[in-house]
Amino acid sequence: MRDLILRVTLITAAGACVVAGILTAASRAPWTLVLLRSAVAFVVVLAIGFGCSLILMRTALRRHYEQARAVEASRRLRGNR
């Protein structure tokens, strides 16, 4: 799951970098500005993807531990019979 989120984030960040670069170059901006805007777009999308991955992984871990807790409780109940 984590690898999938990482791949999607990197692909999206690279796409944002390319789009920002093309749009900036189309406005006949200097190459330093093109590179700067592309880098900023890459970093912003990467940061958003990292934040989303943290939230998704936290949710997945919480569900995993809740299921383990439920199974453990049901085993205890069966043992007391």
C-alpha atoms as a PDB file:
ATOM      1  CA  MET A   1       0.000   0.000   0.000  1.00  0.00           C
ATOM      2  CA  ARG A   2       2.768   2.408   0.958  1.00  0.00           C
ATOM      3  CA  ASP A   3       4.635   1.686  -2.288  1.00  0.00           C
ATOM      4  CA  LEU A   4       1.517   2.421  -4.323  1.00  0.00           C
ATOM      5  CA  ILE A   5       0.980   5.747  -2.553  1.00  0.00           C
ATOM      6  CA  LEU A   6       4.641   6.621  -3.097  1.00  0.00           C
ATOM      7  CA  ARG A   7       4.467   5.819  -6.819  1.00  0.00           C
ATOM      8  CA  VAL A   8       1.257   7.771  -7.358  1.00  0.00           C
ATOM      9  CA  THR A   9       2.664  10.746  -5.446  1.00  0.00           C
ATOM     10  CA  LEU A  10       5.884  10.790  -7.453  1.00  0.00           C
ATOM     11  CA  ILE A  11       4.069  10.456 -10.781  1.00  0.00           C
ATOM     12  CA  THR A  12       1.661  13.245  -9.859  1.00  0.00           C
ATOM     13  CA  ALA A  13       4.497  15.478  -8.650  1.00  0.00           C
ATOM     14  CA  ALA A  14       6.430  14.911 -11.870  1.00  0.00           C
ATOM     15  CA  GLY A  15       3.299  15.713 -13.896  1.00  0.00           C
ATOM     16  CA  ALA A  16       2.766  18.933 -11.942  1.00  0.00           C
ATOM     17  CA  CYS A  17       6.408  19.831 -12.504  1.00  0.00           C
ATOM     18  CA  VAL A  18       6.088  19.328 -16.262  1.00  0.00           C
ATOM     19  CA  VAL A  19       2.803  21.230 -16.518  1.00  0.00           C
ATOM     20  CA  ALA A  20       4.147  24.144 -14.467  1.00  0.00           C
ATOM     21  CA  GLY A  21       7.268  24.216 -16.600  1.00  0.00           C
ATOM     22  CA  ILE A  22       5.318  24.209 -19.863  1.00  0.00           C
ATOM     23  CA  LEU A  23       2.926  26.927 -18.731  1.00  0.00           C
ATOM     24  CA  THR A  24       5.747  29.114 -17.461  1.00  0.00           C
ATOM     25  CA  ALA A  25       7.820  28.587 -20.610  1.00  0.00           C
ATOM     26  CA  ALA A  26       4.785  29.428 -22.759  1.00  0.00           C
ATOM     27  CA  SER A  27       4.658  32.846 -21.135  1.00  0.00           C
ATOM     28  CA  ARG A  28       8.247  33.436 -22.297  1.00  0.00           C
ATOM     29  CA  ALA A  29       9.645  33.606 -18.779  1.00  0.00           C
ATOM     30  CA  PRO A  30      13.376  33.231 -18.143  1.00  0.00           C
ATOM     31  CA  TRP A  31      14.637  29.664 -17.646  1.00  0.00           C
ATOM     32  CA  THR A  32      15.541  30.317 -14.032  1.00  0.00           C
ATOM     33  CA  LEU A  33      11.913  31.183 -13.326  1.00  0.00           C
ATOM     34  CA  VAL A  34      10.740  28.110 -15.248  1.00  0.00           C
ATOM     35  CA  LEU A  35      12.976  25.866 -13.157  1.00  0.00           C
ATOM     36  CA  LEU A  36      12.002  27.597  -9.923  1.00  0.00           C
ATOM     37  CA  ARG A  37       8.262  27.288 -10.549  1.00  0.00           C
ATOM     38  CA  SER A  38       8.639  23.684 -11.633  1.00  0.00           C
ATOM     39  CA  ALA A  39      10.586  22.865  -8.483  1.00  0.00           C
ATOM     40  CA  VAL A  40       8.001  24.601  -6.295  1.00  0.00           C
ATOM     41  CA  ALA A  41       5.170  22.676  -7.981  1.00  0.00           C
ATOM     42  CA  PHE A  42       7.059  19.406  -7.457  1.00  0.00           C
ATOM     43  CA  VAL A  43       7.697  20.119  -3.767  1.00  0.00           C
ATOM     44  CA  VAL A  44       4.113  21.237  -3.071  1.00  0.00           C
ATOM     45  CA  VAL A  45       2.559  18.140  -4.650  1.00  0.00           C
ATOM     46  CA  LEU A  46       5.122  15.925  -2.912  1.00  0.00           C
ATOM     47  CA  ALA A  47       4.298  17.491   0.482  1.00  0.00           C
ATOM     48  CA  ILE A  48       0.558  17.037  -0.065  1.00  0.00           C
ATOM     49  CA  GLY A  49       1.091  13.406  -1.067  1.00  0.00           C
ATOM     50  CA  PHE A  50       3.267  12.798   1.991  1.00  0.00           C
ATOM     51  CA  GLY A  51       0.595  14.249   4.271  1.00  0.00           C
ATOM     52  CA  CYS A  52      -2.117  12.133   2.670  1.00  0.00           C
ATOM     53  CA  SER A  53       0.018   9.007   2.986  1.00  0.00           C
ATOM     54  CA  LEU A  54       0.478   9.647   6.690  1.00  0.00           C
ATOM     55  CA  ILE A  55      -3.275   9.950   7.158  1.00  0.00           C
ATOM     56  CA  LEU A  56      -3.990   6.804   5.124  1.00  0.00           C
ATOM     57  CA  MET A  57      -1.359   4.736   6.908  1.00  0.00           C
ATOM     58  CA  ARG A  58      -2.620   5.910  10.309  1.00  0.00           C
ATOM     59  CA  THR A  59      -6.144   4.866   9.373  1.00  0.00           C
ATOM     60  CA  ALA A  60      -4.955   1.471   8.118  1.00  0.00           C
ATOM     61  CA  LEU A  61      -2.968   0.830  11.299  1.00  0.00           C
ATOM     62  CA  ARG A  62      -5.909   1.835  13.478  1.00  0.00           C
ATOM     63  CA  ARG A  63      -8.191  -0.626  11.652  1.00  0.00           C
ATOM     64  CA  HIS A  64      -5.581  -3.357  11.964  1.00  0.00           C
ATOM     65  CA  TYR A  65      -5.216  -2.862  15.721  1.00  0.00           C
ATOM     66  CA  GLU A  66      -8.975  -2.621  16.235  1.00  0.00           C
ATOM     67  CA  GLN A  67      -9.461  -5.940  14.417  1.00  0.00           C
ATOM     68  CA  ALA A  68      -6.701  -7.558  16.473  1.00  0.00           C
ATOM     69  CA  ARG A  69      -8.297  -6.252  19.657  1.00  0.00           C
ATOM     70  CA  ALA A  70     -11.708  -7.617  18.637  1.00  0.00           C
ATOM     71  CA  VAL A  71     -10.268 -11.045  17.846  1.00  0.00           C
ATOM     72  CA  GLU A  72      -8.393 -11.111  21.138  1.00  0.00           C
ATOM     73  CA  ALA A  73     -11.547 -10.191  23.078  1.00  0.00           C
ATOM     74  CA  SER A  74     -13.574 -12.913  21.351  1.00  0.00           C
ATOM     75  CA  ARG A  75     -10.859 -15.487  22.184  1.00  0.00           C
ATOM     76  CA  ARG A  76     -11.007 -14.477  25.836  1.00  0.00           C
ATOM     77  CA  LEU A  77     -14.774 -14.860  25.868  1.00  0.00           C
ATOM     78  CA  ARG A  78     -14.560 -18.348  24.362  1.00  0.00           C
ATOM     79  CA  GLY A  79     -11.927 -19.352  26.906  1.00  0.00           C
ATOM     80  CA  ASN A  80     -14.166 -18.474  29.859  1.00  0.00           C
ATOM     81  CA  ARG A  81     -16.945 -20.858  28.880  1.00  0.00           C
END
